[in-house]
Protein backbone atom coordinates (compact mmCIF):
# COMPACT_ATOMS: atom_id res chain seq x y z
CA MET A 1 11.55 -17.35 0.37
CA ARG A 2 11.04 -14.24 -2.02
CA THR A 3 9.79 -11.80 0.22
CA ILE A 4 8.58 -8.07 -0.51
CA HIS A 5 7.06 -5.56 1.47
CA TRP A 6 3.51 -3.92 0.04
CA ASP A 7 3.41 -0.59 1.76
CA ILE A 8 -0.20 0.60 1.46
CA ASP A 9 -0.96 4.53 0.95
CA THR A 10 1.25 5.38 3.75
CA GLN A 11 0.83 9.24 2.61
CA ILE A 12 0.71 12.55 4.21
CA ASP A 13 -3.07 13.12 3.79
CA PHE A 14 -3.64 9.78 5.50
CA ILE A 15 -1.52 9.31 8.24
CA HIS A 16 -0.84 12.63 9.76
CA ALA A 17 -3.86 14.05 11.91
CA ASP A 18 -4.04 17.51 9.91
CA GLY A 19 -4.05 15.54 6.26
CA LEU A 20 -6.96 16.29 4.13
CA LEU A 21 -8.18 12.74 4.73
CA ALA A 22 -6.85 11.82 8.04
CA VAL A 23 -7.01 8.13 9.12
CA PRO A 24 -8.05 7.79 13.06
CA GLY A 25 -5.00 6.78 15.13
CA ALA A 26 -2.58 6.65 11.83
CA GLU A 27 -0.15 8.55 13.64
CA ALA A 28 0.42 6.13 16.11
CA ILE A 29 1.65 3.89 13.65
CA LEU A 30 4.48 5.84 12.36
CA PRO A 31 7.18 4.00 14.57
CA ASN A 32 6.34 0.57 13.11
CA LEU A 33 5.95 1.62 9.66
CA GLN A 34 9.78 3.31 10.26
CA ARG A 35 10.73 0.02 11.76
CA LEU A 36 9.44 -2.18 8.73
CA THR A 37 11.29 0.26 6.34
CA ALA A 38 14.46 0.18 7.81
CA HIS A 39 14.41 -3.46 8.19
CA ALA A 40 13.76 -3.74 4.61
CA HIS A 41 16.33 -1.96 3.46
CA ALA A 42 18.91 -3.51 5.81
CA THR A 43 18.13 -7.00 4.80
CA GLY A 44 17.24 -6.25 1.16
CA THR A 45 13.63 -6.48 0.66
CA ARG A 46 11.95 -4.82 -1.80
CA ILE A 47 9.44 -2.67 -1.14
CA VAL A 48 6.55 -2.08 -3.58
CA ALA A 49 4.53 1.15 -2.14
CA THR A 50 1.40 2.17 -3.47
CA ALA A 51 0.08 5.72 -3.43
CA ASP A 52 -3.13 7.53 -4.38
CA ASP A 53 -2.25 10.50 -7.09
CA HIS A 54 -5.33 12.53 -7.93
CA ASP A 55 -6.59 15.27 -10.05
CA LEU A 56 -10.04 16.81 -9.69
CA GLY A 57 -11.41 14.68 -12.81
CA HIS A 58 -10.47 11.61 -10.79
CA ALA A 59 -14.17 9.50 -10.40
CA GLU A 60 -13.09 9.17 -6.71
CA ILE A 61 -12.78 12.92 -5.86
CA SER A 62 -16.40 14.58 -5.10
CA ASP A 63 -17.58 17.37 -2.91
CA THR A 64 -20.31 15.20 -2.03
CA PRO A 65 -18.57 11.90 -0.95
CA ASP A 66 -20.29 8.82 -0.05
CA TRP A 67 -17.22 7.57 1.88
CA ALA A 68 -17.35 4.32 0.15
CA SER A 69 -16.26 4.88 -3.52
CA THR A 70 -16.03 8.64 -3.52
CA PHE A 71 -14.08 10.76 -0.93
CA PRO A 72 -13.47 14.44 -0.61
CA PRO A 73 -10.17 15.96 -2.28
CA HIS A 74 -6.58 13.92 -1.11
CA CYS A 75 -3.74 13.24 -2.09
CA MET A 76 -3.72 15.55 -4.97
CA ARG A 77 -1.08 15.62 -7.59
CA GLY A 78 1.80 17.70 -6.69
CA THR A 79 1.02 18.77 -3.24
CA PRO A 80 2.48 18.23 0.00
CA GLY A 81 -0.33 15.72 1.24
CA GLN A 82 0.60 13.42 -1.61
CA ALA A 83 4.01 12.45 -0.69
CA LYS A 84 4.80 9.60 1.36
CA VAL A 85 5.24 10.62 5.06
CA ARG A 86 9.31 10.53 5.91
CA GLU A 87 9.16 7.57 7.89
CA THR A 88 8.17 5.73 4.85
CA ALA A 89 10.89 7.08 2.31
CA LEU A 90 11.84 5.02 -0.48
CA ARG A 91 14.96 3.96 -1.55
CA ASP A 92 15.78 4.53 -5.20
CA PRO A 93 12.50 4.17 -6.56
CA LEU A 94 11.23 2.75 -9.95
CA GLU A 95 8.01 5.10 -10.25
CA VAL A 96 5.08 3.37 -12.33
CA HIS A 97 2.22 5.53 -13.35
CA ALA A 98 -1.26 4.41 -14.25
CA VAL A 99 -0.52 4.41 -17.80
CA PRO A 100 0.14 1.42 -19.32
CA TRP A 101 3.51 0.15 -19.93
CA ASP A 102 4.91 -2.53 -22.29
CA ALA A 103 4.74 -5.53 -20.03
CA ALA A 104 8.14 -6.89 -21.08
CA ALA A 105 9.80 -3.79 -20.92
CA LEU A 106 8.41 -3.25 -17.08
CA THR A 107 9.12 -6.60 -16.27
CA ALA A 108 13.00 -6.11 -17.16
CA ALA A 109 12.81 -2.77 -15.46
CA VAL A 110 11.75 -4.48 -12.50
CA GLN A 111 13.63 -7.30 -12.27
CA SER A 112 17.00 -5.69 -13.06
CA GLY A 113 16.30 -2.81 -10.61
CA GLU A 114 17.58 -3.29 -6.88
CA GLY A 115 15.90 -0.34 -5.70
CA ASP A 116 12.19 -0.02 -4.60
CA ILE A 117 8.94 0.68 -6.88
CA LEU A 118 5.99 3.16 -6.21
CA ILE A 119 2.78 2.42 -8.25
CA ASN A 120 0.59 5.53 -8.39
CA LYS A 121 -3.16 5.08 -8.57
CA PRO A 122 -6.06 7.23 -9.31
CA GLY A 123 -8.43 5.17 -7.11
CA THR A 124 -8.62 2.86 -4.03
CA ASP A 125 -7.61 -0.54 -5.65
CA VAL A 126 -4.28 -0.56 -7.27
CA PHE A 127 -5.09 -3.36 -9.66
CA ARG A 128 -7.83 -1.91 -11.29
CA TRP A 129 -6.66 1.53 -11.62
CA ASN A 130 -2.95 0.91 -12.27
CA PRO A 131 -3.00 -1.39 -15.33
CA ASN A 132 0.74 -2.03 -14.34
CA ALA A 133 0.68 -3.24 -10.93
CA ALA A 134 -0.44 -7.08 -11.69
CA THR A 135 2.95 -7.02 -13.92
CA VAL A 136 4.72 -5.55 -11.21
CA LEU A 137 3.84 -8.47 -9.07
CA ALA A 138 4.14 -11.29 -11.61
CA ALA A 139 8.02 -9.77 -12.18
CA LEU A 140 8.73 -10.02 -8.52
CA ALA A 141 7.14 -13.36 -8.15
CA PRO A 142 7.04 -13.38 -4.22
CA THR A 143 6.29 -16.62 -1.95
CA GLN A 144 5.66 -13.96 0.87
CA ILE A 145 4.24 -10.56 0.87
CA ILE A 146 3.95 -8.32 3.62
CA ALA A 147 1.36 -5.92 3.83
CA TYR A 148 0.74 -2.69 6.05
CA GLY A 149 -0.59 0.59 5.62
CA VAL A 150 -3.75 2.51 5.79
CA ALA A 151 -7.31 2.53 5.52
CA THR A 152 -7.27 -1.20 6.62
CA ASP A 153 -11.09 -1.05 5.10
CA ILE A 154 -10.59 0.89 2.35
CA CYS A 155 -7.19 0.46 0.24
CA VAL A 156 -5.64 -2.23 2.24
CA LEU A 157 -8.78 -4.32 1.99
CA ALA A 158 -8.61 -4.04 -1.47
CA ALA A 159 -4.87 -4.71 -1.73
CA VAL A 160 -4.74 -7.42 -0.03
CA THR A 161 -7.97 -9.15 -1.77
CA GLY A 162 -6.00 -8.20 -5.16
CA LEU A 163 -3.12 -9.76 -3.70
CA ARG A 164 -4.10 -12.81 -2.62
CA ARG A 165 -5.90 -13.36 -5.96
CA LEU A 166 -3.14 -12.76 -8.14
CA ARG A 167 -0.84 -14.37 -6.11
CA PRO A 168 -2.78 -17.29 -4.14
CA GLU A 169 0.27 -19.27 -3.96
CA ALA A 170 2.20 -16.75 -1.49
CA GLU A 171 1.95 -15.98 2.31
CA LEU A 172 0.62 -12.95 2.50
CA VAL A 173 1.13 -11.76 6.10
CA ILE A 174 -0.92 -8.87 7.47
CA VAL A 175 0.99 -6.77 10.33
CA THR A 176 -1.43 -6.26 12.69
CA ASP A 177 0.22 -2.90 14.65
CA ALA A 178 1.13 -0.91 11.21
CA ILE A 179 -2.59 -0.73 10.03
CA ALA A 180 -5.48 1.94 10.85
CA ALA A 181 -8.79 1.91 10.02
CA LEU A 182 -11.36 4.64 9.19
CA ASP A 183 -14.08 2.55 10.64
CA THR A 184 -12.33 0.84 13.68
CA SER A 185 -15.06 -1.49 14.04
CA ARG A 186 -14.96 -2.86 10.52
CA GLY A 187 -10.90 -2.65 10.88
CA GLU A 188 -11.38 -5.29 13.54
CA ALA A 189 -14.08 -7.25 12.15
CA LEU A 190 -11.80 -7.79 9.01
CA MET A 191 -8.64 -8.91 10.85
CA GLN A 192 -10.82 -11.78 12.16
CA GLU A 193 -12.01 -12.24 8.75
CA TRP A 194 -8.33 -12.40 7.38
CA ALA A 195 -6.94 -14.72 10.10
CA ALA A 196 -10.25 -17.16 8.94
CA SER A 197 -9.57 -17.06 5.70
CA GLY A 198 -5.74 -18.07 6.04
CA PHE A 199 -3.85 -14.40 6.13
CA THR A 200 -1.01 -14.52 8.62
CA LEU A 201 -1.28 -12.03 11.34
CA ALA A 202 2.19 -10.65 12.80
CA THR A 203 3.26 -7.63 14.60
CA THR A 204 6.32 -5.22 13.68
CA ALA A 205 8.32 -6.66 16.31
CA GLN A 206 7.87 -10.28 15.33
CA LEU A 207 8.69 -9.42 11.73
CA THR A 208 12.00 -7.19 12.31
CA ARG A 209 13.66 -9.20 15.54
């Protein structure tokens, strides 16, 4: 089995209570995020982390957000809030910006590397907003993808939808106690939908024992 972790937007502005776009309850999942990260590194499992990387010209950033496709400024490039939380610090990451790479060169870099991968994105859906994300996924060719992060009802939803579309043969595991939603009721509904759709739901303890 070729397992990867898919770490979704575990950044200070989303996770910390004083972040610019703090997800309610996200600080409570920090111990589980740390445990998942440590377990991946201890077992030699690659982590692919996505991260919002914004400037004021991005379509998602608005002073009058609709909270569906536009949001207040957050994870602005070069600010402390754009950084990942220390609990999910990456190991020797290959950083993939949202500018087109040569697919063969990127595939070679992914397959020859042993460290983690950081995919920056200027919008919610990494597969829409970073033209290299699908190439990274194909290069890794996982048979199991363990997904977690924030927010369940925005970027996690976009990520798992894309992962299922691009890698339908892989087992997609959602870590139920390592995600948090902007809208709690919507997050709970999504968990039920994912379970009914054949996603695997698991806890951090089940995955790291």
